[in-house]
Amino acid sequence: MVDKVTATETALELIGRLKKRHGPLLFHQSGGCCDGSSPMCFPRDEFRVGNSDVKLGEIDGTPFYMSKDQYEYWKHTQLIIDVVDGRGGMFSLEGPEGKRFLTRSRVFTDEERQTL
């Protein structure tokens, strides 16, 4: 099976720390300008997923959603959630850590696209 979304070890470590502090989490990437195009991490019970969101999968038990419009641009790629130094979205939980989540990607192979 091919995952539509995965994460680097560094991202998984940060997600683990955030889970300990905030409980269950949820990722959402809206595709809006500026911070909206970055993956945003929220307490799971503080973000409402809508009909215009697509669940791409889970990262360490944390659901990852993207707006349908944005998904149309990314559907041919595997998203790889990573972490870099710096401040990201002001509402995303990793901000106080001095880190921000970042989406990297790679194009699915022909075989992977057939599997999906």
C-alpha atoms as a PDB file:
ATOM      1  CA  MET A   1       0.000   0.000   0.000  1.00  0.00           C
ATOM      2  CA  VAL A   2       1.155   3.523  -0.795  1.00  0.00           C
ATOM      3  CA  ASP A   3       0.655   6.343   1.690  1.00  0.00           C
ATOM      4  CA  LYS A   4      -0.565   9.679   0.351  1.00  0.00           C
ATOM      5  CA  VAL A   5       1.014  11.426   3.329  1.00  0.00           C
ATOM      6  CA  THR A   6       3.987  10.494   5.468  1.00  0.00           C
ATOM      7  CA  ALA A   7       6.460  12.283   7.733  1.00  0.00           C
ATOM      8  CA  THR A   8      10.164  12.509   8.419  1.00  0.00           C
ATOM      9  CA  GLU A   9      11.581  11.213  11.677  1.00  0.00           C
ATOM     10  CA  THR A  10      12.084  14.824  12.830  1.00  0.00           C
ATOM     11  CA  ALA A  11       8.416  15.590  12.180  1.00  0.00           C
ATOM     12  CA  LEU A  12       7.330  12.436  14.012  1.00  0.00           C
ATOM     13  CA  GLU A  13       9.388  13.453  17.046  1.00  0.00           C
ATOM     14  CA  LEU A  14       7.779  16.909  17.136  1.00  0.00           C
ATOM     15  CA  ILE A  15       4.306  15.419  16.671  1.00  0.00           C
ATOM     16  CA  GLY A  16       5.005  13.129  19.638  1.00  0.00           C
ATOM     17  CA  ARG A  17       5.975  16.075  21.842  1.00  0.00           C
ATOM     18  CA  LEU A  18       2.911  18.043  20.763  1.00  0.00           C
ATOM     19  CA  LYS A  19       0.625  15.068  21.462  1.00  0.00           C
ATOM     20  CA  LYS A  20       1.985  14.790  25.000  1.00  0.00           C
ATOM     21  CA  ARG A  21       1.310  18.460  25.600  1.00  0.00           C
ATOM     22  CA  HIS A  22      -2.006  18.921  23.732  1.00  0.00           C
ATOM     23  CA  GLY A  23      -3.562  15.465  23.380  1.00  0.00           C
ATOM     24  CA  PRO A  24      -4.913  14.151  20.051  1.00  0.00           C
ATOM     25  CA  LEU A  25      -3.972  16.291  17.052  1.00  0.00           C
ATOM     26  CA  LEU A  26      -5.156  16.985  13.514  1.00  0.00           C
ATOM     27  CA  PHE A  27      -3.337  18.397  10.473  1.00  0.00           C
ATOM     28  CA  HIS A  28      -4.995  20.560   7.847  1.00  0.00           C
ATOM     29  CA  GLN A  29      -3.542  22.183   4.748  1.00  0.00           C
ATOM     30  CA  SER A  30      -5.946  24.628   3.131  1.00  0.00           C
ATOM     31  CA  GLY A  31      -3.957  25.959   0.209  1.00  0.00           C
ATOM     32  CA  GLY A  32      -4.716  29.564   1.042  1.00  0.00           C
ATOM     33  CA  CYS A  33      -2.062  32.192   0.675  1.00  0.00           C
ATOM     34  CA  CYS A  34       0.897  32.503   3.023  1.00  0.00           C
ATOM     35  CA  ASP A  35       0.424  30.294   6.095  1.00  0.00           C
ATOM     36  CA  GLY A  36      -2.614  28.560   4.582  1.00  0.00           C
ATOM     37  CA  SER A  37      -0.400  26.671   2.176  1.00  0.00           C
ATOM     38  CA  SER A  38       1.546  25.123   5.071  1.00  0.00           C
ATOM     39  CA  PRO A  39       0.390  22.129   7.069  1.00  0.00           C
ATOM     40  CA  MET A  40      -1.225  23.430  10.232  1.00  0.00           C
ATOM     41  CA  CYS A  41      -1.385  21.354  13.413  1.00  0.00           C
ATOM     42  CA  PHE A  42      -4.347  21.762  15.778  1.00  0.00           C
ATOM     43  CA  PRO A  43      -5.804  20.039  18.828  1.00  0.00           C
ATOM     44  CA  ARG A  44      -8.181  17.531  17.217  1.00  0.00           C
ATOM     45  CA  ASP A  45     -11.264  18.768  19.063  1.00  0.00           C
ATOM     46  CA  GLU A  46     -10.605  22.419  18.113  1.00  0.00           C
ATOM     47  CA  PHE A  47     -10.786  22.110  14.318  1.00  0.00           C
ATOM     48  CA  ARG A  48     -13.900  21.216  12.350  1.00  0.00           C
ATOM     49  CA  VAL A  49     -13.341  19.334   9.134  1.00  0.00           C
ATOM     50  CA  GLY A  50     -15.834  20.241   6.415  1.00  0.00           C
ATOM     51  CA  ASN A  51     -17.327  18.691   3.290  1.00  0.00           C
ATOM     52  CA  SER A  52     -14.671  20.479   1.232  1.00  0.00           C
ATOM     53  CA  ASP A  53     -11.821  18.619   2.967  1.00  0.00           C
ATOM     54  CA  VAL A  54     -10.162  15.363   1.878  1.00  0.00           C
ATOM     55  CA  LYS A  55      -8.535  13.002   4.371  1.00  0.00           C
ATOM     56  CA  LEU A  56      -5.209  11.915   2.897  1.00  0.00           C
ATOM     57  CA  GLY A  57      -4.278   9.568   5.705  1.00  0.00           C
ATOM     58  CA  GLU A  58      -2.716   9.622   9.140  1.00  0.00           C
ATOM     59  CA  ILE A  59       0.716  10.401  10.477  1.00  0.00           C
ATOM     60  CA  ASP A  60       1.408   8.517  13.698  1.00  0.00           C
ATOM     61  CA  GLY A  61      -2.335   8.309  14.377  1.00  0.00           C
ATOM     62  CA  THR A  62      -2.880  11.988  13.538  1.00  0.00           C
ATOM     63  CA  PRO A  63      -5.332  12.579  10.667  1.00  0.00           C
ATOM     64  CA  PHE A  64      -4.152  14.789   7.796  1.00  0.00           C
ATOM     65  CA  TYR A  65      -6.723  16.733   5.759  1.00  0.00           C
ATOM     66  CA  MET A  66      -6.436  19.019   2.759  1.00  0.00           C
ATOM     67  CA  SER A  67      -9.013  21.204   1.036  1.00  0.00           C
ATOM     68  CA  LYS A  68     -10.458  19.566  -2.102  1.00  0.00           C
ATOM     69  CA  ASP A  69      -9.255  22.392  -4.336  1.00  0.00           C
ATOM     70  CA  GLN A  70      -5.714  22.101  -3.028  1.00  0.00           C
ATOM     71  CA  TYR A  71      -5.832  18.306  -3.299  1.00  0.00           C
ATOM     72  CA  GLU A  72      -6.448  18.597  -7.052  1.00  0.00           C
ATOM     73  CA  TYR A  73      -2.984  20.154  -7.370  1.00  0.00           C
ATOM     74  CA  TRP A  74      -1.273  17.612  -5.120  1.00  0.00           C
ATOM     75  CA  LYS A  75      -3.094  14.335  -5.894  1.00  0.00           C
ATOM     76  CA  HIS A  76      -0.262  13.017  -8.092  1.00  0.00           C
ATOM     77  CA  THR A  77       2.266  13.385  -5.268  1.00  0.00           C
ATOM     78  CA  GLN A  78       3.088  11.854  -1.920  1.00  0.00           C
ATOM     79  CA  LEU A  79       3.229  14.538   0.759  1.00  0.00           C
ATOM     80  CA  ILE A  80       6.154  14.283   3.146  1.00  0.00           C
ATOM     81  CA  ILE A  81       5.678  16.387   6.265  1.00  0.00           C
ATOM     82  CA  ASP A  82       8.946  17.739   7.599  1.00  0.00           C
ATOM     83  CA  VAL A  83      10.074  20.284  10.207  1.00  0.00           C
ATOM     84  CA  VAL A  84      12.345  23.289   9.782  1.00  0.00           C
ATOM     85  CA  ASP A  85      13.513  26.022  12.131  1.00  0.00           C
ATOM     86  CA  GLY A  86      11.436  29.184  12.182  1.00  0.00           C
ATOM     87  CA  ARG A  87       7.943  30.392  12.866  1.00  0.00           C
ATOM     88  CA  GLY A  88       5.059  29.100  10.804  1.00  0.00           C
ATOM     89  CA  GLY A  89       1.356  29.691  11.075  1.00  0.00           C
ATOM     90  CA  MET A  90       0.408  31.616  14.156  1.00  0.00           C
ATOM     91  CA  PHE A  91      -2.400  29.170  14.960  1.00  0.00           C
ATOM     92  CA  SER A  92      -0.380  25.998  14.438  1.00  0.00           C
ATOM     93  CA  LEU A  93       0.756  24.278  17.642  1.00  0.00           C
ATOM     94  CA  GLU A  94       4.444  23.989  16.756  1.00  0.00           C
ATOM     95  CA  GLY A  95       5.011  27.771  16.698  1.00  0.00           C
ATOM     96  CA  PRO A  96       6.167  28.121  20.318  1.00  0.00           C
ATOM     97  CA  GLU A  97       8.738  25.372  19.659  1.00  0.00           C
ATOM     98  CA  GLY A  98      10.596  27.660  17.226  1.00  0.00           C
ATOM     99  CA  LYS A  99       9.805  25.141  14.480  1.00  0.00           C
ATOM    100  CA  ARG A 100       7.333  24.905  11.644  1.00  0.00           C
ATOM    101  CA  PHE A 101       5.912  22.046   9.666  1.00  0.00           C
ATOM    102  CA  LEU A 102       6.687  22.055   5.960  1.00  0.00           C
ATOM    103  CA  THR A 103       5.266  19.983   3.108  1.00  0.00           C
ATOM    104  CA  ARG A 104       7.707  18.332   0.761  1.00  0.00           C
ATOM    105  CA  SER A 105       6.522  16.060  -2.022  1.00  0.00           C
ATOM    106  CA  ARG A 106       7.491  13.518  -4.606  1.00  0.00           C
ATOM    107  CA  VAL A 107       5.592  12.404  -7.691  1.00  0.00           C
ATOM    108  CA  PHE A 108       4.040   8.950  -7.444  1.00  0.00           C
ATOM    109  CA  THR A 109       5.460   6.331  -9.783  1.00  0.00           C
ATOM    110  CA  ASP A 110       3.186   4.823 -12.426  1.00  0.00           C
ATOM    111  CA  GLU A 111       2.899   1.669 -10.305  1.00  0.00           C
ATOM    112  CA  GLU A 112       1.953   3.664  -7.213  1.00  0.00           C
ATOM    113  CA  ARG A 113      -0.699   5.613  -9.129  1.00  0.00           C
ATOM    114  CA  GLN A 114      -2.260   2.334 -10.257  1.00  0.00           C
ATOM    115  CA  THR A 115      -2.322   1.102  -6.660  1.00  0.00           C
ATOM    116  CA  LEU A 116      -4.059   4.286  -5.507  1.00  0.00           C
END
